[in-house]
Amino acid sequence: MKRFEQFVFNILGSKKKQWTVILLTLVALAGSIMMLPTKVVLAKMLPGKSANTFSIYVNAPTDSSIEETRRISECVVSFLQKESEVTDTEVYLGQGAPLDYAGLVKGSAFKNSENVAEIVVNLTDKHEREEPSFMMVHRLRPIIKSNCEAIKKDTVIQMIEQPAGPPTLAAVVAEIYGRNHESTYALSKKIAKIFKSTDGLVDIDIMADDPYKKFELIPNADKIARSGLSVEQVNKILYLAFEGMVIAHKNSRNYPDQIGLFVRLSDKTRRLRDHSKAALQSKLASLKLMNQKGLLVPMSEVVTIKEVDASPTIMQKNLRRMINVTAETDLVSQVYPLLDARSRIMEELSSQYEITTTDYLFNLRLKDKKTGEIFDLKWDGEMKVTLDTFRDLGAAFIAALILIFLLLVVYYKNFTISGIVLAGSFLSIIGVIIGHWVADLVTEHTFFLTATSLIGFIALMGISSRNSLLLIDFAKALMAEKGFDKQHAIAVASATRAKPIMLTAIAIILGSALLASDPIFGGLGVALISGTVAAVIVSLIFIPVLMYRAKAMDFDK
């Protein structure tokens, strides 16, 4: 360690070398932090997780029949059957699949209409296949969507992976609040169009009923009475034909309750040749009901067909009407596509709306320039969880820095020395960010700076502080007890404490190496490894320079 002692002594003896160390450290700090806004290192809540299953949601237009939804689902299954690593698929037509981790908040339990379906895809064990599930989804998504969405216009097929962290409605969710449903839906269509043209966003869907026309069957009470029928008879035959109904009950010893006998026309018989009014009129003419005189009366004579607008489902949150526009991300972070989409919303819609920011960081308020109607756009989903998590971890980091600083001020009774220790704690971020950059270069998939990475960075503050404290206390003891001059004491302290500092660092690195390969906690492992390396370098070279440049009267106290 004599060479290292002489190395530190020489640096402290030259102002030029001192400033070189300080400037190099500041450049490294600025360069590493700039890797985040320049997208050299990408931030994300949690990386993708390989699982043994994923789901596919089929959302056909609201006016679609169950047969059309079936055709779309069969198209999806036909591509899945070509995959050797797909063991089986389960198709749930007109309903949601049994709840899984992802479906808890995606509304699977509330799906009950002819235009929806869910397909559960089971894969071979993740340890026995080379391709992770999220890469399979990435590969299959464009193939399935391009072929199967074309069967019915405006169909949306979503590839849903099991989340690595807390489940959310979608990766990016735009909640659009407005008083009028029609104008809110129109704005939602514009937002969805911007999402579709934003790189990184896929599976865009509007969680609202599409406007469409439907036929309403209205029994004519006067004609029914003159035909010798009753309104109840007409209603029953209509339900019996198209929907089906219980007409009788059967008792059984094996069941405690009566068993209902459900009757309706066969699928072939009740199916219309097309969706026209004439086809429905023809079907009603084929349905005949016997009156009191024994004559058969066609339903087309006593029932009026009226074309009306379908009543949309109204969604509310916190007693306010709203529509969700959802989007998933494909192997990218949610942060950057959202920022891109937000800037495009402000740019492309500024001619129609007055756009201002609201209370939250990215939320917007849009005022229609023609009608004066006000809409609120609030971001939710995994994006909001990411922002909240990074915000909370950032606040925890700042709070930890403040507490460490106050504790050191109480211990040393000196702001300068406390600031030196604090600087050493913060500078480990250089290693954390550079470590993620290196990990991204050597890994097959994008290595994100995640929430677990920030947890590792916060944990490093204690290690970095301890290194600085060892140097300061040992140097002060040499000056007070041995009479060493300041330069010599700092050099001896750095050389003497270098071995235990490096041994501690090696123990941390070896212990964290097991975490580095984990798909979820890899960020924590890389942060601890690279941050520890940076902390050692900063403690043994940069901190001694700051100690030496501190005023002698402050340092010797």
Protein backbone atom coordinates (compact mmCIF):
# COMPACT_ATOMS: atom_id res chain seq x y z
CA MET A 1 0.00 0.00 0.00
CA LYS A 2 3.07 2.29 0.08
CA ARG A 3 2.65 2.96 -3.64
CA PHE A 4 -0.97 3.92 -3.20
CA GLU A 5 -0.04 6.13 -0.25
CA GLN A 6 2.55 7.89 -2.42
CA PHE A 7 -0.01 8.14 -5.25
CA VAL A 8 -2.53 9.93 -3.02
CA PHE A 9 0.24 12.05 -1.45
CA ASN A 10 1.34 13.25 -4.89
CA ILE A 11 -2.21 14.18 -5.87
CA LEU A 12 -2.69 16.18 -2.69
CA GLY A 13 0.63 17.94 -3.23
CA SER A 14 -0.38 19.38 -6.61
CA LYS A 15 -3.28 21.78 -7.10
CA LYS A 16 -3.39 20.87 -10.78
CA LYS A 17 -3.87 17.18 -9.97
CA GLN A 18 -6.48 18.03 -7.33
CA TRP A 19 -8.54 20.01 -9.82
CA THR A 20 -8.07 17.26 -12.39
CA VAL A 21 -9.62 14.72 -9.98
CA ILE A 22 -12.49 17.09 -9.14
CA LEU A 23 -13.22 17.92 -12.76
CA LEU A 24 -13.06 14.30 -13.89
CA THR A 25 -15.48 13.33 -11.12
CA LEU A 26 -17.91 16.12 -12.05
CA VAL A 27 -17.69 15.19 -15.73
CA ALA A 28 -18.38 11.55 -14.89
CA LEU A 29 -21.36 12.63 -12.75
CA ALA A 30 -22.81 14.89 -15.46
CA GLY A 31 -22.17 12.33 -18.19
CA SER A 32 -23.82 9.50 -16.28
CA ILE A 33 -26.91 11.55 -15.40
CA MET A 34 -27.24 12.71 -19.02
CA MET A 35 -27.55 9.05 -20.05
CA LEU A 36 -31.14 9.14 -18.77
CA PRO A 37 -32.62 12.05 -20.80
CA THR A 38 -30.60 11.04 -23.86
CA LYS A 39 -32.07 7.49 -23.61
CA VAL A 40 -28.66 5.82 -23.46
CA VAL A 41 -29.98 4.18 -20.28
CA LEU A 42 -33.74 3.56 -20.26
CA ALA A 43 -35.91 3.67 -17.16
CA LYS A 44 -38.85 1.35 -16.49
CA MET A 45 -40.85 0.19 -13.49
CA LEU A 46 -39.89 -3.48 -13.90
CA PRO A 47 -38.54 -5.48 -16.87
CA GLY A 48 -40.48 -8.19 -18.66
CA LYS A 49 -40.95 -11.48 -16.85
CA SER A 50 -40.96 -14.85 -18.58
CA ALA A 51 -44.00 -16.88 -17.54
CA ASN A 52 -45.64 -20.17 -18.46
CA THR A 53 -48.80 -18.53 -19.74
CA PHE A 54 -50.19 -15.40 -21.34
CA SER A 55 -53.62 -14.28 -22.48
CA ILE A 56 -55.11 -12.83 -25.65
CA TYR A 57 -58.13 -10.52 -25.44
CA VAL A 58 -60.39 -10.27 -28.46
CA ASN A 59 -62.48 -7.08 -28.55
CA ALA A 60 -64.67 -7.03 -31.65
CA PRO A 61 -66.89 -4.02 -32.43
CA THR A 62 -69.88 -3.73 -30.11
CA ASP A 63 -72.40 -4.77 -32.77
CA SER A 64 -70.55 -8.03 -33.54
CA SER A 65 -72.30 -11.37 -33.17
CA ILE A 66 -70.92 -14.34 -31.29
CA GLU A 67 -70.27 -16.07 -34.63
CA GLU A 68 -68.03 -13.21 -35.78
CA THR A 69 -66.18 -13.26 -32.47
CA ARG A 70 -65.76 -17.00 -32.85
CA ARG A 71 -64.20 -16.62 -36.31
CA ILE A 72 -61.69 -14.08 -34.99
CA SER A 73 -60.81 -16.34 -32.05
CA GLU A 74 -60.37 -19.35 -34.32
CA CYS A 75 -58.01 -17.31 -36.47
CA VAL A 76 -55.90 -16.48 -33.40
CA VAL A 77 -55.85 -20.12 -32.27
CA SER A 78 -54.79 -21.28 -35.73
CA PHE A 79 -51.54 -19.30 -35.43
CA LEU A 80 -50.97 -20.45 -31.85
CA GLN A 81 -51.30 -24.10 -32.87
CA LYS A 82 -48.27 -23.70 -35.12
CA GLU A 83 -46.06 -22.94 -32.10
CA SER A 84 -44.33 -26.04 -30.74
CA GLU A 85 -43.95 -24.46 -27.29
CA VAL A 86 -47.71 -23.87 -26.91
CA THR A 87 -49.10 -26.86 -25.00
CA ASP A 88 -52.79 -25.92 -25.15
CA THR A 89 -55.20 -23.00 -25.51
CA GLU A 90 -58.49 -22.25 -23.79
CA VAL A 91 -61.06 -20.06 -25.55
CA TYR A 92 -63.77 -18.27 -23.55
CA LEU A 93 -66.35 -16.83 -25.96
CA GLY A 94 -68.55 -14.01 -24.75
CA GLN A 95 -66.97 -13.96 -21.33
CA GLY A 96 -63.73 -13.48 -19.45
CA ALA A 97 -61.35 -16.25 -18.51
CA PRO A 98 -61.03 -17.37 -14.87
CA LEU A 99 -59.29 -14.57 -13.03
CA ASP A 100 -55.51 -14.57 -13.07
CA TYR A 101 -52.94 -12.07 -11.80
CA ALA A 102 -53.30 -9.82 -14.85
CA GLY A 103 -57.09 -10.12 -15.12
CA LEU A 104 -57.68 -8.86 -11.57
CA VAL A 105 -57.74 -5.24 -12.66
CA LYS A 106 -58.35 -5.62 -16.40
CA GLY A 107 -62.08 -6.22 -15.97
CA SER A 108 -62.13 -9.87 -17.04
CA ALA A 109 -64.78 -10.73 -14.49
CA PHE A 110 -67.20 -8.18 -16.00
CA LYS A 111 -67.01 -9.36 -19.61
CA ASN A 112 -70.37 -10.71 -20.70
CA SER A 113 -71.23 -9.83 -24.30
CA GLU A 114 -71.08 -11.43 -27.73
CA ASN A 115 -68.26 -9.21 -29.02
CA VAL A 116 -65.57 -10.28 -26.53
CA ALA A 117 -63.48 -13.38 -25.98
CA GLU A 118 -60.43 -14.34 -23.98
CA ILE A 119 -57.85 -16.95 -24.99
CA VAL A 120 -55.54 -18.43 -22.36
CA VAL A 121 -52.29 -19.71 -23.85
CA ASN A 122 -50.31 -22.27 -21.83
CA LEU A 123 -46.62 -22.80 -22.63
CA THR A 124 -43.97 -25.33 -21.79
CA ASP A 125 -42.01 -24.65 -18.62
CA LYS A 126 -39.92 -21.50 -18.90
CA HIS A 127 -36.81 -23.37 -17.77
CA GLU A 128 -37.12 -25.82 -20.68
CA ARG A 129 -37.40 -23.32 -23.55
CA GLU A 130 -35.00 -20.74 -24.87
CA GLU A 131 -37.53 -18.09 -25.91
CA PRO A 132 -39.07 -16.20 -22.95
CA SER A 133 -42.80 -15.60 -23.02
CA PHE A 134 -42.47 -11.84 -23.56
CA MET A 135 -40.31 -12.42 -26.65
CA MET A 136 -42.87 -14.89 -27.99
CA VAL A 137 -45.61 -12.29 -27.49
CA HIS A 138 -43.41 -9.73 -29.24
CA ARG A 139 -42.93 -12.08 -32.21
CA LEU A 140 -46.55 -13.25 -32.52
CA ARG A 141 -48.26 -9.90 -31.98
CA PRO A 142 -47.80 -8.42 -35.50
CA ILE A 143 -48.61 -11.76 -37.16
CA ILE A 144 -51.86 -12.34 -35.28
CA LYS A 145 -53.03 -8.73 -35.40
CA SER A 146 -52.39 -8.26 -39.12
CA ASN A 147 -54.26 -11.44 -40.08
CA CYS A 148 -57.07 -11.73 -37.53
CA GLU A 149 -58.08 -8.10 -36.93
CA ALA A 150 -58.89 -7.82 -40.65
CA ILE A 151 -61.75 -10.32 -40.29
CA LYS A 152 -63.94 -7.63 -38.71
CA LYS A 153 -63.12 -3.96 -39.07
CA ASP A 154 -62.23 -2.07 -35.85
CA THR A 155 -61.43 -5.31 -34.01
CA VAL A 156 -58.74 -4.96 -31.32
CA ILE A 157 -56.66 -7.97 -30.28
CA GLN A 158 -54.58 -7.49 -27.13
CA MET A 159 -51.67 -9.68 -26.05
CA ILE A 160 -51.66 -9.69 -22.26
CA GLU A 161 -48.57 -10.84 -20.35
CA GLN A 162 -48.39 -11.66 -16.67
CA PRO A 163 -47.07 -8.49 -14.99
CA ALA A 164 -43.74 -8.55 -13.19
CA GLY A 165 -45.05 -6.09 -10.62
CA PRO A 166 -48.46 -4.86 -9.47
CA PRO A 167 -51.19 -5.53 -12.09
CA THR A 168 -52.67 -2.50 -13.83
CA LEU A 169 -55.40 -1.87 -16.39
CA ALA A 170 -52.76 -1.35 -19.10
CA ALA A 171 -49.22 -0.06 -19.55
CA VAL A 172 -50.52 3.38 -20.54
CA VAL A 173 -54.05 4.54 -19.73
CA ALA A 174 -55.51 7.90 -20.71
CA GLU A 175 -58.60 8.68 -18.64
CA ILE A 176 -60.72 11.23 -20.47
CA TYR A 177 -63.35 12.99 -18.37
CA GLY A 178 -66.23 14.93 -19.90
CA ARG A 179 -69.90 15.68 -19.28
CA ASN A 180 -71.18 14.71 -22.74
CA HIS A 181 -70.63 11.12 -23.85
CA GLU A 182 -70.63 11.83 -27.60
CA SER A 183 -68.03 14.59 -27.45
CA THR A 184 -65.91 12.64 -24.94
CA TYR A 185 -65.99 9.61 -27.24
CA ALA A 186 -64.99 11.79 -30.19
CA LEU A 187 -61.97 13.08 -28.23
CA SER A 188 -61.13 9.50 -27.24
CA LYS A 189 -60.99 8.53 -30.92
CA LYS A 190 -58.51 11.34 -31.56
CA ILE A 191 -56.34 10.28 -28.61
CA ALA A 192 -56.43 6.65 -29.79
CA LYS A 193 -55.37 7.74 -33.29
CA ILE A 194 -52.35 9.54 -31.81
CA PHE A 195 -51.51 6.46 -29.74
CA LYS A 196 -51.59 4.26 -32.86
CA SER A 197 -49.02 6.45 -34.58
CA THR A 198 -46.72 6.61 -31.53
CA ASP A 199 -43.71 4.30 -31.62
CA GLY A 200 -43.68 1.75 -28.82
CA LEU A 201 -47.44 1.71 -28.17
CA VAL A 202 -49.45 -1.32 -29.31
CA ASP A 203 -52.87 -2.90 -28.68
CA ILE A 204 -54.65 0.46 -28.52
CA ASP A 205 -58.26 0.16 -27.40
CA ILE A 206 -61.09 2.50 -26.38
CA MET A 207 -62.99 1.09 -23.42
CA ALA A 208 -66.39 2.27 -24.59
CA ASP A 209 -69.20 0.89 -26.71
CA ASP A 210 -68.92 1.73 -30.38
CA PRO A 211 -71.92 3.72 -31.67
CA TYR A 212 -74.08 1.54 -33.88
CA LYS A 213 -77.67 1.08 -35.02
CA LYS A 214 -79.93 -1.67 -33.77
CA PHE A 215 -83.47 -2.83 -34.44
CA GLU A 216 -86.07 -2.53 -31.73
CA LEU A 217 -89.11 -4.83 -31.81
CA ILE A 218 -92.18 -2.96 -30.55
CA PRO A 219 -95.41 -4.99 -30.09
CA ASN A 220 -98.44 -3.06 -31.47
CA ALA A 221 -101.06 -3.39 -28.75
CA ASP A 222 -104.00 -2.45 -31.00
CA LYS A 223 -103.12 -4.95 -33.73
CA ILE A 224 -102.43 -7.64 -31.13
CA ALA A 225 -105.86 -7.13 -29.59
CA ARG A 226 -107.61 -7.17 -32.97
CA SER A 227 -105.75 -10.36 -33.92
CA GLY A 228 -107.05 -12.19 -30.87
CA LEU A 229 -103.66 -12.41 -29.19
CA SER A 230 -102.19 -10.96 -26.01
CA VAL A 231 -99.09 -8.83 -25.56
CA GLU A 232 -97.70 -11.45 -23.17
CA GLN A 233 -98.01 -14.14 -25.85
CA VAL A 234 -96.16 -12.01 -28.37
CA ASN A 235 -93.37 -11.14 -25.94
CA LYS A 236 -92.91 -14.79 -25.00
CA ILE A 237 -92.70 -16.06 -28.58
CA LEU A 238 -90.11 -13.37 -29.41
CA TYR A 239 -87.96 -14.26 -26.41
CA LEU A 240 -88.45 -17.95 -27.08
CA ALA A 241 -87.29 -17.57 -30.67
CA PHE A 242 -84.25 -15.30 -30.31
CA GLU A 243 -83.10 -15.43 -26.68
CA GLY A 244 -84.71 -18.56 -25.28
CA MET A 245 -86.56 -18.96 -22.02
CA VAL A 246 -87.54 -21.48 -19.37
CA ILE A 247 -90.94 -22.98 -20.32
CA ALA A 248 -91.24 -25.69 -17.66
CA HIS A 249 -89.45 -27.38 -14.79
CA LYS A 250 -88.40 -30.92 -14.02
CA ASN A 251 -87.97 -32.48 -10.60
CA SER A 252 -85.16 -34.90 -9.79
CA ARG A 253 -84.13 -36.83 -6.72
CA ASN A 254 -80.50 -35.94 -7.35
CA TYR A 255 -81.06 -32.17 -7.25
CA PRO A 256 -82.57 -30.16 -4.39
CA ASP A 257 -84.08 -27.55 -6.76
CA GLN A 258 -86.23 -27.77 -9.84
CA ILE A 259 -84.40 -28.07 -13.16
CA GLY A 260 -85.49 -25.48 -15.71
CA LEU A 261 -86.27 -26.63 -19.25
CA PHE A 262 -84.76 -23.95 -21.53
CA VAL A 263 -86.06 -23.76 -25.12
CA ARG A 264 -85.09 -21.62 -28.10
CA LEU A 265 -84.75 -21.96 -31.85
CA SER A 266 -81.67 -23.68 -33.20
CA ASP A 267 -78.71 -21.53 -34.18
CA LYS A 268 -79.33 -22.14 -37.85
CA THR A 269 -83.04 -21.31 -37.63
CA ARG A 270 -82.73 -18.11 -35.63
CA ARG A 271 -79.81 -16.75 -37.64
CA LEU A 272 -80.59 -13.91 -40.08
CA ARG A 273 -79.27 -13.99 -43.63
CA ASP A 274 -77.79 -10.49 -43.06
CA HIS A 275 -78.11 -7.52 -40.72
CA SER A 276 -80.78 -5.72 -42.71
CA LYS A 277 -84.28 -4.72 -41.69
CA ALA A 278 -85.72 -6.83 -44.51
CA ALA A 279 -84.03 -9.95 -43.16
CA LEU A 280 -85.49 -9.34 -39.72
CA GLN A 281 -88.93 -8.69 -41.24
CA SER A 282 -88.69 -11.98 -43.11
CA LYS A 283 -87.73 -13.85 -39.95
CA LEU A 284 -90.68 -12.37 -38.05
CA ALA A 285 -93.02 -13.39 -40.87
CA SER A 286 -91.90 -16.99 -40.38
CA LEU A 287 -92.85 -16.85 -36.69
CA LYS A 288 -96.59 -17.49 -36.31
CA LEU A 289 -98.75 -17.58 -33.20
CA MET A 290 -102.18 -19.21 -32.95
CA ASN A 291 -104.96 -16.89 -31.78
CA GLN A 292 -108.17 -17.68 -29.94
CA LYS A 293 -109.94 -18.62 -33.20
CA GLY A 294 -107.25 -21.13 -34.14
CA LEU A 295 -105.75 -18.93 -36.87
CA LEU A 296 -101.98 -18.46 -37.26
CA VAL A 297 -100.92 -14.82 -37.05
CA PRO A 298 -97.42 -13.87 -38.38
CA MET A 299 -95.40 -11.79 -35.92
CA SER A 300 -94.56 -9.34 -38.67
CA GLU A 301 -98.23 -8.23 -38.61
CA VAL A 302 -98.34 -7.26 -34.95
CA VAL A 303 -94.72 -6.17 -34.31
CA THR A 304 -93.16 -2.92 -35.53
CA ILE A 305 -89.46 -2.81 -36.36
CA LYS A 306 -87.75 0.45 -35.47
CA GLU A 307 -84.11 1.35 -36.14
CA VAL A 308 -82.61 3.17 -33.15
CA ASP A 309 -79.22 4.16 -31.81
CA ALA A 310 -77.80 1.69 -29.32
CA SER A 311 -77.51 3.05 -25.78
CA PRO A 312 -73.82 3.09 -24.79
CA THR A 313 -72.54 1.88 -21.45
CA ILE A 314 -71.67 4.88 -19.28
CA MET A 315 -68.47 4.54 -17.25
CA GLN A 316 -67.78 6.67 -14.19
CA LYS A 317 -64.90 7.19 -11.81
CA ASN A 318 -65.18 9.30 -8.68
CA LEU A 319 -68.73 10.20 -9.81
CA ARG A 320 -67.42 11.69 -13.08
CA ARG A 321 -68.16 10.33 -16.56
CA MET A 322 -65.06 9.09 -18.29
CA ILE A 323 -63.69 6.90 -21.09
CA ASN A 324 -60.42 4.97 -20.93
CA VAL A 325 -58.03 4.79 -23.86
CA THR A 326 -55.56 1.98 -23.17
CA ALA A 327 -52.29 0.93 -24.79
CA GLU A 328 -49.62 -1.66 -24.11
CA THR A 329 -45.88 -1.31 -24.70
CA ASP A 330 -43.79 -3.76 -26.68
CA LEU A 331 -40.40 -4.36 -25.02
CA VAL A 332 -40.00 -0.64 -24.26
CA SER A 333 -40.47 1.56 -21.23
CA GLN A 334 -43.81 3.29 -20.73
CA VAL A 335 -42.19 6.64 -19.99
CA TYR A 336 -40.87 7.60 -23.41
CA PRO A 337 -43.92 6.68 -25.58
CA LEU A 338 -46.13 8.57 -23.12
CA LEU A 339 -43.98 11.69 -23.31
CA ASP A 340 -44.02 11.42 -27.09
CA ALA A 341 -47.80 10.91 -27.21
CA ARG A 342 -48.38 13.76 -24.77
CA SER A 343 -46.34 16.21 -26.84
CA ARG A 344 -48.17 15.13 -30.01
CA ILE A 345 -51.54 15.59 -28.29
CA MET A 346 -50.59 19.14 -27.35
CA GLU A 347 -49.33 19.81 -30.86
CA GLU A 348 -51.99 18.15 -33.05
CA LEU A 349 -55.07 19.06 -31.00
CA SER A 350 -54.07 22.65 -30.22
CA SER A 351 -56.06 23.91 -33.23
CA GLN A 352 -59.30 22.49 -31.79
CA TYR A 353 -58.71 22.74 -28.05
CA GLU A 354 -57.08 25.10 -25.59
CA ILE A 355 -54.66 22.77 -23.79
CA THR A 356 -53.20 23.48 -20.35
CA THR A 357 -51.45 21.38 -17.72
CA THR A 358 -53.25 20.59 -14.47
CA ASP A 359 -52.29 19.65 -10.94
CA TYR A 360 -50.41 16.46 -11.72
CA LEU A 361 -47.15 16.37 -13.66
CA PHE A 362 -48.40 15.12 -17.04
CA ASN A 363 -52.18 15.59 -16.85
CA LEU A 364 -53.87 17.92 -19.33
CA ARG A 365 -57.05 19.99 -19.52
CA LEU A 366 -58.61 20.52 -22.95
CA LYS A 367 -61.19 23.19 -23.69
CA ASP A 368 -63.11 22.97 -26.96
CA LYS A 369 -62.65 26.27 -28.78
CA LYS A 370 -66.08 26.05 -30.44
CA THR A 371 -68.35 24.77 -27.67
CA GLY A 372 -66.35 25.70 -24.58
CA GLU A 373 -66.71 22.16 -23.23
CA ILE A 374 -63.92 21.14 -20.85
CA PHE A 375 -62.24 17.71 -20.81
CA ASP A 376 -59.66 16.39 -18.36
CA LEU A 377 -57.01 13.91 -19.51
CA LYS A 378 -55.42 12.01 -16.65
CA TRP A 379 -52.74 9.35 -17.04
CA ASP A 380 -53.05 6.03 -15.25
CA GLY A 381 -51.93 2.42 -15.58
CA GLU A 382 -48.41 1.08 -15.21
CA MET A 383 -47.09 4.47 -16.30
CA LYS A 384 -48.59 6.15 -13.24
CA VAL A 385 -47.30 3.35 -10.99
CA THR A 386 -43.84 3.92 -12.48
CA LEU A 387 -43.98 7.68 -11.90
CA ASP A 388 -45.32 7.27 -8.37
CA THR A 389 -42.70 4.64 -7.52
CA PHE A 390 -39.79 6.68 -8.88
CA ARG A 391 -41.17 9.77 -7.15
CA ASP A 392 -41.50 7.96 -3.81
CA LEU A 393 -38.06 6.37 -4.10
CA GLY A 394 -36.59 9.75 -5.03
CA ALA A 395 -38.24 11.29 -1.98
CA ALA A 396 -36.88 8.44 0.16
CA PHE A 397 -33.40 9.07 -1.25
CA ILE A 398 -33.56 12.80 -0.48
CA ALA A 399 -34.90 12.09 3.01
CA ALA A 400 -32.05 9.64 3.61
CA LEU A 401 -29.50 12.20 2.46
CA ILE A 402 -30.94 14.84 4.77
CA LEU A 403 -31.01 12.47 7.75
CA ILE A 404 -27.43 11.33 7.10
CA PHE A 405 -26.30 14.96 6.82
CA LEU A 406 -28.03 15.99 10.06
CA LEU A 407 -26.61 12.98 11.89
CA LEU A 408 -23.10 13.81 10.69
CA VAL A 409 -23.48 17.47 11.67
CA VAL A 410 -24.44 16.36 15.18
CA TYR A 411 -21.45 13.97 15.29
CA TYR A 412 -18.77 16.20 13.76
CA LYS A 413 -20.28 19.57 14.64
CA ASN A 414 -19.00 20.68 11.23
CA PHE A 415 -20.94 21.31 8.03
CA THR A 416 -17.93 20.96 5.75
CA ILE A 417 -17.00 17.43 6.83
CA SER A 418 -20.68 16.41 6.74
CA GLY A 419 -20.91 17.74 3.19
CA ILE A 420 -17.83 15.74 2.16
CA VAL A 421 -19.40 12.51 3.43
CA LEU A 422 -22.68 13.39 1.71
CA ALA A 423 -20.87 13.98 -1.59
CA GLY A 424 -19.28 10.56 -1.37
CA SER A 425 -22.69 8.97 -0.78
CA PHE A 426 -24.35 10.64 -3.77
CA LEU A 427 -21.54 10.00 -6.26
CA SER A 428 -22.18 6.26 -6.26
CA ILE A 429 -24.93 7.09 -8.78
CA ILE A 430 -22.14 7.33 -11.37
CA GLY A 431 -21.45 3.63 -11.04
CA VAL A 432 -25.14 2.70 -10.90
CA ILE A 433 -25.99 4.36 -14.23
CA ILE A 434 -22.79 3.34 -16.01
CA GLY A 435 -23.27 -0.21 -14.74
CA HIS A 436 -26.73 -0.35 -16.34
CA TRP A 437 -25.28 0.97 -19.58
CA VAL A 438 -22.64 -1.77 -19.61
CA ALA A 439 -25.22 -4.42 -18.69
CA ASP A 440 -27.40 -3.27 -21.58
CA LEU A 441 -24.45 -3.69 -23.97
CA VAL A 442 -23.72 -7.27 -22.92
CA THR A 443 -27.31 -8.58 -22.56
CA GLU A 444 -29.61 -9.75 -25.33
CA HIS A 445 -32.60 -7.71 -24.16
CA THR A 446 -32.80 -4.08 -23.04
CA PHE A 447 -31.49 -3.72 -19.49
CA PHE A 448 -33.65 -1.05 -17.84
CA LEU A 449 -32.98 1.15 -14.85
CA THR A 450 -35.81 -0.14 -12.66
CA ALA A 451 -37.36 0.47 -9.27
CA THR A 452 -35.13 -2.24 -7.79
CA SER A 453 -32.12 -0.34 -9.19
CA LEU A 454 -33.12 2.72 -7.17
CA ILE A 455 -33.51 0.56 -4.07
CA GLY A 456 -29.93 -0.62 -4.60
CA PHE A 457 -28.76 2.98 -5.01
CA ILE A 458 -30.41 4.00 -1.73
CA ALA A 459 -28.81 1.00 0.00
CA LEU A 460 -25.39 2.10 -1.32
CA MET A 461 -25.57 5.39 0.55
CA GLY A 462 -24.78 3.68 3.84
CA ILE A 463 -21.79 1.85 2.34
CA SER A 464 -20.42 5.01 0.73
CA SER A 465 -20.88 7.02 3.92
CA ARG A 466 -19.07 4.38 5.94
CA ASN A 467 -16.05 4.51 3.62
CA SER A 468 -15.78 8.28 3.97
CA LEU A 469 -16.23 8.14 7.74
CA LEU A 470 -13.37 5.63 8.06
CA LEU A 471 -11.00 7.92 6.19
CA ILE A 472 -11.99 11.09 8.02
CA ASP A 473 -11.83 9.62 11.53
CA PHE A 474 -8.55 7.82 10.87
CA ALA A 475 -6.94 10.92 9.36
CA LYS A 476 -8.12 13.08 12.28
CA ALA A 477 -6.71 10.53 14.74
CA LEU A 478 -3.32 10.58 13.00
CA MET A 479 -3.23 14.36 13.11
CA ALA A 480 -4.35 14.60 16.72
CA GLU A 481 -2.40 11.69 18.25
CA LYS A 482 0.62 11.23 15.95
CA GLY A 483 1.12 14.83 14.93
CA PHE A 484 0.98 14.07 11.20
CA ASP A 485 0.52 16.99 8.88
CA LYS A 486 -2.71 17.14 6.93
CA GLN A 487 -1.37 15.87 3.59
CA HIS A 488 0.53 12.97 5.14
CA ALA A 489 -2.38 11.98 7.42
CA ILE A 490 -4.86 11.80 4.54
CA ALA A 491 -2.49 9.78 2.36
CA VAL A 492 -1.73 7.30 5.18
CA ALA A 493 -5.44 7.01 6.04
CA SER A 494 -6.35 6.31 2.41
CA ALA A 495 -3.66 3.66 2.03
CA THR A 496 -4.39 2.01 5.38
CA ARG A 497 -8.17 1.85 4.97
CA ALA A 498 -8.02 0.85 1.28
CA LYS A 499 -7.67 -2.88 2.02
CA PRO A 500 -10.73 -3.23 4.37
CA ILE A 501 -12.76 -0.98 2.07
CA MET A 502 -11.94 -3.14 -0.97
CA LEU A 503 -12.53 -6.40 0.94
CA THR A 504 -15.97 -5.14 1.95
CA ALA A 505 -16.65 -4.12 -1.65
CA ILE A 506 -15.62 -7.56 -2.94
CA ALA A 507 -17.98 -9.23 -0.47
CA ILE A 508 -20.85 -7.01 -1.64
CA ILE A 509 -20.04 -7.66 -5.32
CA LEU A 510 -19.89 -11.43 -4.86
CA GLY A 511 -23.10 -11.45 -2.87
CA SER A 512 -24.89 -9.31 -5.47
CA ALA A 513 -23.67 -11.35 -8.44
CA LEU A 514 -26.48 -13.87 -7.89
CA LEU A 515 -29.07 -11.09 -8.21
CA ALA A 516 -27.64 -9.67 -11.44
CA SER A 517 -29.05 -12.50 -13.57
CA ASP A 518 -32.53 -12.38 -12.03
CA PRO A 519 -35.17 -10.91 -14.41
CA ILE A 520 -36.79 -8.81 -11.66
CA PHE A 521 -33.97 -8.04 -9.22
CA GLY A 522 -31.23 -7.78 -11.83
CA GLY A 523 -31.31 -4.00 -11.52
CA LEU A 524 -30.70 -4.29 -7.78
CA GLY A 525 -27.73 -6.58 -8.34
CA VAL A 526 -26.15 -4.40 -11.03
CA ALA A 527 -26.72 -1.25 -8.93
CA LEU A 528 -24.99 -2.81 -5.92
CA ILE A 529 -22.06 -4.15 -7.98
CA SER A 530 -21.34 -1.10 -10.13
CA GLY A 531 -22.28 1.37 -7.41
CA THR A 532 -19.91 -0.29 -4.96
CA VAL A 533 -17.04 -0.06 -7.46
CA ALA A 534 -17.75 3.64 -7.95
CA ALA A 535 -18.04 4.16 -4.19
CA VAL A 536 -14.59 2.63 -3.64
CA ILE A 537 -12.97 4.83 -6.30
CA VAL A 538 -14.69 7.96 -4.99
CA SER A 539 -13.80 7.16 -1.38
CA LEU A 540 -10.11 6.50 -2.02
CA ILE A 541 -9.38 9.30 -4.53
CA PHE A 542 -12.07 12.00 -4.65
CA ILE A 543 -12.89 12.18 -0.92
CA PRO A 544 -9.22 12.62 0.10
CA VAL A 545 -8.98 15.60 -2.26
CA LEU A 546 -12.06 17.20 -0.69
CA MET A 547 -10.67 16.48 2.78
CA TYR A 548 -7.40 18.16 1.90
CA ARG A 549 -9.03 21.23 0.37
CA ALA A 550 -11.24 21.74 3.42
CA LYS A 551 -10.08 24.54 5.69
CA ALA A 552 -7.58 23.32 8.24
CA MET A 553 -9.42 24.92 11.11
CA ASP A 554 -12.64 23.18 10.09
CA PHE A 555 -10.95 19.84 9.46
CA ASP A 556 -8.98 19.75 12.70
CA LYS A 557 -11.98 20.34 14.92
